[in-house]
């Protein structure tokens, strides 16, 4: 299940990120890659634990908490601290699957159920750089406006095409969901979306109350607190 979450960051917040990026020191993106990913990863990354990454990561986390669509689609239990990357001059990231387990801090483990990419460059400011997510229906190209987020199953094979002009800036991170199974999450998301769309037209309708009850009872059955 891929979901486009628009306007996670405002134009002012995106501009603030770019200001910090312009003054930041970047390092080889392979520092946080697994064995497989390191062989096909060619980009730059803000140093993990540095002041820039920590401040901007908190900015992204606060924005996610304020996004009903993100919460509905992902049902987050734990969010990996956001990381930030940069592509230019032909840099790319070949086909790979994200590591199943990440360790955001010593002694803490996070299962990567959902992968997330938050675009921070205007799409017309660079050529290439499309995120391509593959599933049984083929490859899905993603290149979103600055401030918009794409979420997709972390089990997906995916890659980033070479950036041939300009600079592609983004934040990326993973989420351990309350609901591990992607099919169950998709059903809950569809049900929650339907409830939200019906509520203004039929507030208090007994059928709507029953649907809401079904949503919460399924969540209760499938959630792993």
Protein backbone atom coordinates (compact mmCIF):
# COMPACT_ATOMS: atom_id res chain seq x y z
CA UNK A 1 0.00 0.00 0.00
CA UNK A 2 1.50 3.27 -1.16
CA UNK A 3 0.02 6.50 0.20
CA UNK A 4 0.89 10.06 -0.80
CA UNK A 5 0.68 12.39 2.20
CA UNK A 6 0.70 16.00 0.96
CA UNK A 7 1.87 19.11 2.84
CA UNK A 8 3.60 17.38 5.74
CA UNK A 9 5.95 20.36 5.89
CA UNK A 10 4.97 23.91 5.02
CA UNK A 11 6.90 26.03 2.52
CA UNK A 12 8.50 27.88 5.45
CA UNK A 13 9.59 24.63 7.08
CA UNK A 14 11.04 23.35 3.81
CA UNK A 15 12.94 26.62 3.38
CA UNK A 16 14.35 26.26 6.90
CA UNK A 17 15.56 22.74 6.08
CA UNK A 18 17.27 23.97 2.93
CA UNK A 19 19.01 26.76 4.87
CA UNK A 20 20.47 24.21 7.26
CA UNK A 21 21.45 21.93 4.37
CA UNK A 22 23.32 24.76 2.63
CA UNK A 23 25.58 25.24 5.68
CA UNK A 24 25.86 21.58 6.65
CA UNK A 25 28.72 19.12 6.22
CA UNK A 26 27.66 15.98 4.35
CA UNK A 27 29.16 12.49 4.54
CA UNK A 28 29.01 9.31 2.48
CA UNK A 29 25.49 7.88 2.63
CA UNK A 30 26.80 4.35 2.99
CA UNK A 31 27.51 4.97 6.69
CA UNK A 32 23.96 3.85 7.55
CA UNK A 33 23.49 1.25 4.80
CA UNK A 34 23.25 -2.48 5.33
CA UNK A 35 25.59 -4.88 3.52
CA UNK A 36 23.38 -5.24 0.44
CA UNK A 37 22.43 -1.56 0.22
CA UNK A 38 26.02 -0.33 0.62
CA UNK A 39 26.94 -1.99 -2.67
CA UNK A 40 24.42 0.09 -4.67
CA UNK A 41 24.12 3.31 -2.64
CA UNK A 42 25.73 6.48 -4.00
CA UNK A 43 24.57 9.59 -2.20
CA UNK A 44 25.40 11.91 0.68
CA UNK A 45 23.85 12.12 4.12
CA UNK A 46 23.76 14.45 7.10
CA UNK A 47 25.87 12.91 9.89
CA UNK A 48 23.65 10.88 12.20
CA UNK A 49 23.54 12.46 15.65
CA UNK A 50 24.78 15.81 14.37
CA UNK A 51 23.06 19.04 15.37
CA UNK A 52 21.50 19.54 11.93
CA UNK A 53 20.06 16.04 11.71
CA UNK A 54 18.72 16.15 15.27
CA UNK A 55 17.01 19.53 14.92
CA UNK A 56 15.49 18.83 11.53
CA UNK A 57 14.49 15.32 12.63
CA UNK A 58 12.48 16.78 15.49
CA UNK A 59 10.82 19.15 13.04
CA UNK A 60 9.75 16.24 10.86
CA UNK A 61 8.52 14.16 13.81
CA UNK A 62 6.32 17.00 15.08
CA UNK A 63 4.86 17.43 11.60
CA UNK A 64 4.07 13.72 11.34
CA UNK A 65 2.24 13.79 14.67
CA UNK A 66 0.02 16.55 13.25
CA UNK A 67 -0.85 14.64 10.06
CA UNK A 68 -4.11 12.64 10.35
CA UNK A 69 -3.50 10.99 6.98
CA UNK A 70 -0.06 9.74 8.04
CA UNK A 71 -1.46 8.37 11.30
CA UNK A 72 -4.37 6.66 9.52
CA UNK A 73 -2.22 5.09 6.80
CA UNK A 74 0.72 3.96 8.95
CA UNK A 75 -0.69 3.47 12.49
CA UNK A 76 2.75 4.27 13.92
CA UNK A 77 4.04 2.61 17.04
CA UNK A 78 7.67 3.77 16.73
CA UNK A 79 9.26 6.11 14.20
CA UNK A 80 12.97 5.86 13.43
CA UNK A 81 14.62 9.27 13.86
CA UNK A 82 14.47 10.89 10.40
CA UNK A 83 17.64 10.92 8.32
CA UNK A 84 18.47 13.30 5.45
CA UNK A 85 20.15 12.65 2.12
CA UNK A 86 21.39 14.47 -0.95
CA UNK A 87 21.84 13.36 -4.58
CA UNK A 88 23.60 15.24 -7.38
CA UNK A 89 25.97 14.68 -10.30
CA UNK A 90 24.69 11.25 -11.30
CA UNK A 91 24.28 9.87 -7.77
CA UNK A 92 21.72 7.10 -7.42
CA UNK A 93 20.62 4.21 -5.20
CA UNK A 94 20.28 0.84 -6.91
CA UNK A 95 17.56 -1.74 -6.29
CA UNK A 96 17.43 -2.94 -2.70
CA UNK A 97 15.14 -3.90 0.18
CA UNK A 98 15.48 -2.01 3.46
CA UNK A 99 16.84 -3.81 6.52
CA UNK A 100 14.10 -5.57 8.51
CA UNK A 101 15.43 -4.38 11.88
CA UNK A 102 16.97 -1.02 12.75
CA UNK A 103 18.53 0.15 16.00
CA UNK A 104 17.85 3.85 16.64
CA UNK A 105 19.61 3.69 20.01
CA UNK A 106 21.65 1.18 22.01
CA UNK A 107 19.40 -1.61 23.26
CA UNK A 108 16.43 -0.44 21.18
CA UNK A 109 15.17 -2.37 18.16
CA UNK A 110 12.63 -1.22 15.58
CA UNK A 111 10.97 -3.46 12.99
CA UNK A 112 10.75 -1.62 9.67
CA UNK A 113 7.16 -2.19 8.50
CA UNK A 114 6.83 1.05 6.50
CA UNK A 115 9.42 3.04 4.53
CA UNK A 116 8.97 6.80 4.17
CA UNK A 117 10.49 9.44 1.90
CA UNK A 118 9.79 13.14 2.49
CA UNK A 119 10.74 15.23 -0.55
CA UNK A 120 12.51 18.52 0.18
CA UNK A 121 13.47 19.75 -3.32
CA UNK A 122 11.04 21.19 -5.84
CA UNK A 123 10.58 18.55 -8.56
CA UNK A 124 11.39 20.96 -11.40
CA UNK A 125 14.73 21.89 -9.77
CA UNK A 126 16.35 18.55 -10.65
CA UNK A 127 16.20 15.88 -13.34
CA UNK A 128 16.01 12.20 -12.49
CA UNK A 129 15.91 11.20 -8.84
CA UNK A 130 12.58 9.39 -9.09
CA UNK A 131 11.90 6.89 -6.32
CA UNK A 132 10.74 3.70 -8.03
CA UNK A 133 8.85 1.21 -5.87
CA UNK A 134 8.25 -2.23 -7.35
CA UNK A 135 5.35 -4.58 -6.64
CA UNK A 136 3.38 -7.25 -8.50
CA UNK A 137 1.91 -4.55 -10.76
CA UNK A 138 5.30 -3.21 -11.86
CA UNK A 139 7.35 -0.16 -10.93
CA UNK A 140 5.71 2.99 -9.52
CA UNK A 141 7.63 6.24 -10.06
CA UNK A 142 7.40 8.85 -7.31
CA UNK A 143 8.63 12.44 -7.52
CA UNK A 144 6.61 14.69 -5.24
CA UNK A 145 6.43 18.41 -4.42
CA UNK A 146 8.69 19.64 -1.64
CA UNK A 147 7.06 18.98 1.72
CA UNK A 148 5.11 15.92 0.52
CA UNK A 149 5.64 12.38 1.83
CA UNK A 150 5.30 8.94 0.28
CA UNK A 151 4.84 5.86 2.49
CA UNK A 152 5.12 2.29 1.19
CA UNK A 153 5.76 -1.24 2.52
CA UNK A 154 9.35 -1.69 3.66
CA UNK A 155 9.28 -5.15 2.09
CA UNK A 156 9.24 -3.51 -1.37
CA UNK A 157 12.15 -3.65 -3.78
CA UNK A 158 12.91 -0.03 -4.67
CA UNK A 159 15.56 2.28 -6.12
CA UNK A 160 16.35 5.96 -6.79
CA UNK A 161 17.21 6.91 -10.37
CA UNK A 162 20.37 8.94 -11.09
CA UNK A 163 20.09 12.69 -10.59
CA UNK A 164 21.42 14.22 -13.81
CA UNK A 165 20.73 17.91 -13.07
CA UNK A 166 20.36 19.87 -9.86
CA UNK A 167 20.15 18.49 -6.33
CA UNK A 168 17.60 16.11 -4.81
CA UNK A 169 17.14 16.61 -1.05
CA UNK A 170 14.96 14.37 1.07
CA UNK A 171 14.33 12.93 4.50
CA UNK A 172 13.93 9.18 4.89
CA UNK A 173 12.94 7.00 7.80
CA UNK A 174 11.06 3.88 8.82
CA UNK A 175 8.07 3.10 11.00
CA UNK A 176 7.16 0.12 13.13
CA UNK A 177 3.39 -0.03 12.83
CA UNK A 178 0.89 -1.14 15.45
CA UNK A 179 -0.34 -3.50 12.72
CA UNK A 180 2.47 -5.55 11.20
CA UNK A 181 0.56 -7.04 8.25
CA UNK A 182 0.34 -4.73 5.21
CA UNK A 183 -2.97 -6.25 4.06
CA UNK A 184 -4.56 -5.61 7.45
CA UNK A 185 -3.23 -2.05 7.49
CA UNK A 186 -4.70 -1.47 4.03
CA UNK A 187 -8.13 -2.71 5.14
CA UNK A 188 -8.07 -0.50 8.22
CA UNK A 189 -6.98 2.51 6.15
CA UNK A 190 -9.80 2.00 3.64
CA UNK A 191 -12.32 1.61 6.45
CA UNK A 192 -11.07 4.69 8.30
CA UNK A 193 -11.10 6.74 5.08
CA UNK A 194 -14.70 5.69 4.39
CA UNK A 195 -15.79 6.58 7.92
CA UNK A 196 -14.19 10.04 7.64
CA UNK A 197 -15.88 10.67 4.30
CA UNK A 198 -19.31 9.55 5.55
CA UNK A 199 -19.22 11.37 8.89
CA UNK A 200 -20.06 14.90 7.63
CA UNK A 201 -23.03 13.60 5.64
CA UNK A 202 -24.50 11.33 8.30
CA UNK A 203 -23.28 12.27 11.80
CA UNK A 204 -24.70 9.97 14.43
CA UNK A 205 -26.12 7.52 11.88
CA UNK A 206 -26.36 4.07 13.56
CA UNK A 207 -24.70 2.44 10.54
CA UNK A 208 -21.77 4.84 10.85
CA UNK A 209 -21.48 4.06 14.55
CA UNK A 210 -21.40 0.35 13.69
CA UNK A 211 -18.69 0.90 11.06
CA UNK A 212 -16.61 2.83 13.58
CA UNK A 213 -17.04 -0.03 16.02
CA UNK A 214 -15.87 -2.50 13.37
CA UNK A 215 -12.76 -0.38 12.76
CA UNK A 216 -11.79 -0.30 16.42
CA UNK A 217 -12.57 -3.97 16.99
CA UNK A 218 -10.38 -4.97 14.03
CA UNK A 219 -7.62 -2.67 15.30
CA UNK A 220 -7.98 -4.22 18.74
CA UNK A 221 -7.67 -7.70 17.21
CA UNK A 222 -4.65 -6.94 15.00
CA UNK A 223 -2.64 -4.35 16.93
CA UNK A 224 0.60 -5.35 18.62
CA UNK A 225 1.10 -2.81 21.42
